[in-house]
Amino acid sequence: MKEKNCRECGAKFTIEDKQLKFYEKAGYAEPERCPECRRKKRQQEFITCKDCGEVFSINGLEIQYYERNNLQLPKRCPACRRKRRESNGK
């Protein structure tokens, strides 16, 4: 058994020997996040871009970041946000 601190929230969590063997055998790195943060990362919310109409997703950890920093969730897809940044920078 191995104890680690979550890189996202700082909580301590344990990885059982059986899990460690699985990760090693499969060639995966050991988890850096606690089970709760891993679950949040897998969680998805789908948003329709207000510029191009494309549907894009944002994961639970990104949602948590926006909420923690009192920011609104993005209303534009990554491509439209990038275009907007580039046009504002000129």
C-alpha atoms as a PDB file:
ATOM      1  CA  MET A   1       0.000   0.000   0.000  1.00  0.00           C
ATOM      2  CA  LYS A   2       1.232   3.479  -0.863  1.00  0.00           C
ATOM      3  CA  GLU A   3       0.017   6.805   0.498  1.00  0.00           C
ATOM      4  CA  LYS A   4       0.084   9.921  -1.690  1.00  0.00           C
ATOM      5  CA  ASN A   5      -1.140  13.506  -1.657  1.00  0.00           C
ATOM      6  CA  CYS A   6      -3.503  14.548  -4.441  1.00  0.00           C
ATOM      7  CA  ARG A   7      -1.873  17.054  -6.776  1.00  0.00           C
ATOM      8  CA  GLU A   8      -5.229  18.756  -7.290  1.00  0.00           C
ATOM      9  CA  CYS A   9      -6.774  19.130  -3.823  1.00  0.00           C
ATOM     10  CA  GLY A  10      -3.932  18.016  -1.525  1.00  0.00           C
ATOM     11  CA  ALA A  11      -5.974  15.268   0.165  1.00  0.00           C
ATOM     12  CA  LYS A  12      -4.161  12.107   1.217  1.00  0.00           C
ATOM     13  CA  PHE A  13      -5.197   8.911  -0.525  1.00  0.00           C
ATOM     14  CA  THR A  14      -3.900   5.371  -0.651  1.00  0.00           C
ATOM     15  CA  ILE A  15      -3.186   3.066  -3.545  1.00  0.00           C
ATOM     16  CA  GLU A  16      -3.508  -0.614  -2.728  1.00  0.00           C
ATOM     17  CA  ASP A  17      -0.752  -3.059  -3.704  1.00  0.00           C
ATOM     18  CA  LYS A  18      -3.132  -4.747  -6.155  1.00  0.00           C
ATOM     19  CA  GLN A  19      -3.727  -1.404  -7.885  1.00  0.00           C
ATOM     20  CA  LEU A  20       0.001  -0.625  -7.971  1.00  0.00           C
ATOM     21  CA  LYS A  21       0.677  -3.973  -9.675  1.00  0.00           C
ATOM     22  CA  PHE A  22      -2.089  -3.274 -12.202  1.00  0.00           C
ATOM     23  CA  TYR A  23      -0.669   0.153 -13.110  1.00  0.00           C
ATOM     24  CA  GLU A  24       2.842  -1.246 -13.403  1.00  0.00           C
ATOM     25  CA  LYS A  25       1.772  -4.246 -15.507  1.00  0.00           C
ATOM     26  CA  ALA A  26      -0.339  -2.068 -17.826  1.00  0.00           C
ATOM     27  CA  GLY A  27       2.467   0.482 -18.194  1.00  0.00           C
ATOM     28  CA  TYR A  28       0.453   3.281 -16.581  1.00  0.00           C
ATOM     29  CA  ALA A  29       1.851   5.922 -14.256  1.00  0.00           C
ATOM     30  CA  GLU A  30       0.581   5.901 -10.688  1.00  0.00           C
ATOM     31  CA  PRO A  31      -2.393   8.197 -10.133  1.00  0.00           C
ATOM     32  CA  GLU A  32      -1.482  11.696  -9.004  1.00  0.00           C
ATOM     33  CA  ARG A  33      -5.053  12.628  -8.069  1.00  0.00           C
ATOM     34  CA  CYS A  34      -7.351  11.229  -5.387  1.00  0.00           C
ATOM     35  CA  PRO A  35     -10.356   9.154  -6.495  1.00  0.00           C
ATOM     36  CA  GLU A  36     -12.707  12.145  -6.087  1.00  0.00           C
ATOM     37  CA  CYS A  37     -10.568  14.413  -8.298  1.00  0.00           C
ATOM     38  CA  ARG A  38     -10.169  11.610 -10.864  1.00  0.00           C
ATOM     39  CA  ARG A  39     -13.970  11.277 -10.952  1.00  0.00           C
ATOM     40  CA  LYS A  40     -14.337  15.044 -11.440  1.00  0.00           C
ATOM     41  CA  LYS A  41     -11.807  15.000 -14.259  1.00  0.00           C
ATOM     42  CA  ARG A  42     -13.859  12.352 -16.084  1.00  0.00           C
ATOM     43  CA  GLN A  43     -17.082  14.333 -15.581  1.00  0.00           C
ATOM     44  CA  GLN A  44     -18.025  16.341 -18.675  1.00  0.00           C
ATOM     45  CA  GLU A  45     -20.325  19.279 -19.320  1.00  0.00           C
ATOM     46  CA  PHE A  46     -21.255  20.151 -22.889  1.00  0.00           C
ATOM     47  CA  ILE A  47     -21.604  23.783 -23.973  1.00  0.00           C
ATOM     48  CA  THR A  48     -22.626  25.253 -27.331  1.00  0.00           C
ATOM     49  CA  CYS A  49     -20.234  27.938 -28.580  1.00  0.00           C
ATOM     50  CA  LYS A  50     -21.994  31.288 -28.921  1.00  0.00           C
ATOM     51  CA  ASP A  51     -19.894  32.214 -31.986  1.00  0.00           C
ATOM     52  CA  CYS A  52     -19.743  29.134 -34.205  1.00  0.00           C
ATOM     53  CA  GLY A  53     -22.415  26.859 -32.683  1.00  0.00           C
ATOM     54  CA  GLU A  54     -19.941  24.002 -32.144  1.00  0.00           C
ATOM     55  CA  VAL A  55     -20.548  21.898 -29.042  1.00  0.00           C
ATOM     56  CA  PHE A  56     -17.476  21.620 -26.817  1.00  0.00           C
ATOM     57  CA  SER A  57     -16.884  19.942 -23.478  1.00  0.00           C
ATOM     58  CA  ILE A  58     -15.359  21.079 -20.242  1.00  0.00           C
ATOM     59  CA  ASN A  59     -14.345  18.633 -17.506  1.00  0.00           C
ATOM     60  CA  GLY A  60     -15.213  18.741 -13.824  1.00  0.00           C
ATOM     61  CA  LEU A  61     -11.786  19.993 -12.743  1.00  0.00           C
ATOM     62  CA  GLU A  62     -12.019  22.893 -15.203  1.00  0.00           C
ATOM     63  CA  ILE A  63     -15.500  23.722 -13.878  1.00  0.00           C
ATOM     64  CA  GLN A  64     -14.124  23.630 -10.335  1.00  0.00           C
ATOM     65  CA  TYR A  65     -11.289  26.000 -11.361  1.00  0.00           C
ATOM     66  CA  TYR A  66     -13.731  28.535 -12.805  1.00  0.00           C
ATOM     67  CA  GLU A  67     -15.987  28.327  -9.738  1.00  0.00           C
ATOM     68  CA  ARG A  68     -13.075  28.593  -7.299  1.00  0.00           C
ATOM     69  CA  ASN A  69     -11.847  31.746  -9.050  1.00  0.00           C
ATOM     70  CA  ASN A  70     -15.344  33.285  -9.354  1.00  0.00           C
ATOM     71  CA  LEU A  71     -15.184  33.094 -13.155  1.00  0.00           C
ATOM     72  CA  GLN A  72     -17.996  32.328 -15.575  1.00  0.00           C
ATOM     73  CA  LEU A  73     -17.780  29.139 -17.608  1.00  0.00           C
ATOM     74  CA  PRO A  74     -16.573  29.790 -21.160  1.00  0.00           C
ATOM     75  CA  LYS A  75     -19.253  30.537 -23.726  1.00  0.00           C
ATOM     76  CA  ARG A  76     -16.926  30.029 -26.696  1.00  0.00           C
ATOM     77  CA  CYS A  77     -15.148  26.894 -27.910  1.00  0.00           C
ATOM     78  CA  PRO A  78     -11.338  26.785 -27.630  1.00  0.00           C
ATOM     79  CA  ALA A  79     -10.883  27.625 -31.341  1.00  0.00           C
ATOM     80  CA  CYS A  80     -13.104  30.725 -31.132  1.00  0.00           C
ATOM     81  CA  ARG A  81     -11.414  31.814 -27.894  1.00  0.00           C
ATOM     82  CA  ARG A  82      -8.016  31.494 -29.592  1.00  0.00           C
ATOM     83  CA  LYS A  83      -9.210  33.478 -32.648  1.00  0.00           C
ATOM     84  CA  ARG A  84     -10.640  36.164 -30.366  1.00  0.00           C
ATOM     85  CA  ARG A  85      -7.363  36.431 -28.390  1.00  0.00           C
ATOM     86  CA  GLU A  86      -5.331  36.656 -31.583  1.00  0.00           C
ATOM     87  CA  SER A  87      -7.547  39.363 -33.087  1.00  0.00           C
ATOM     88  CA  ASN A  88      -7.496  41.383 -29.838  1.00  0.00           C
ATOM     89  CA  GLY A  89      -3.696  41.141 -29.676  1.00  0.00           C
ATOM     90  CA  LYS A  90      -3.209  42.869 -33.023  1.00  0.00           C
END
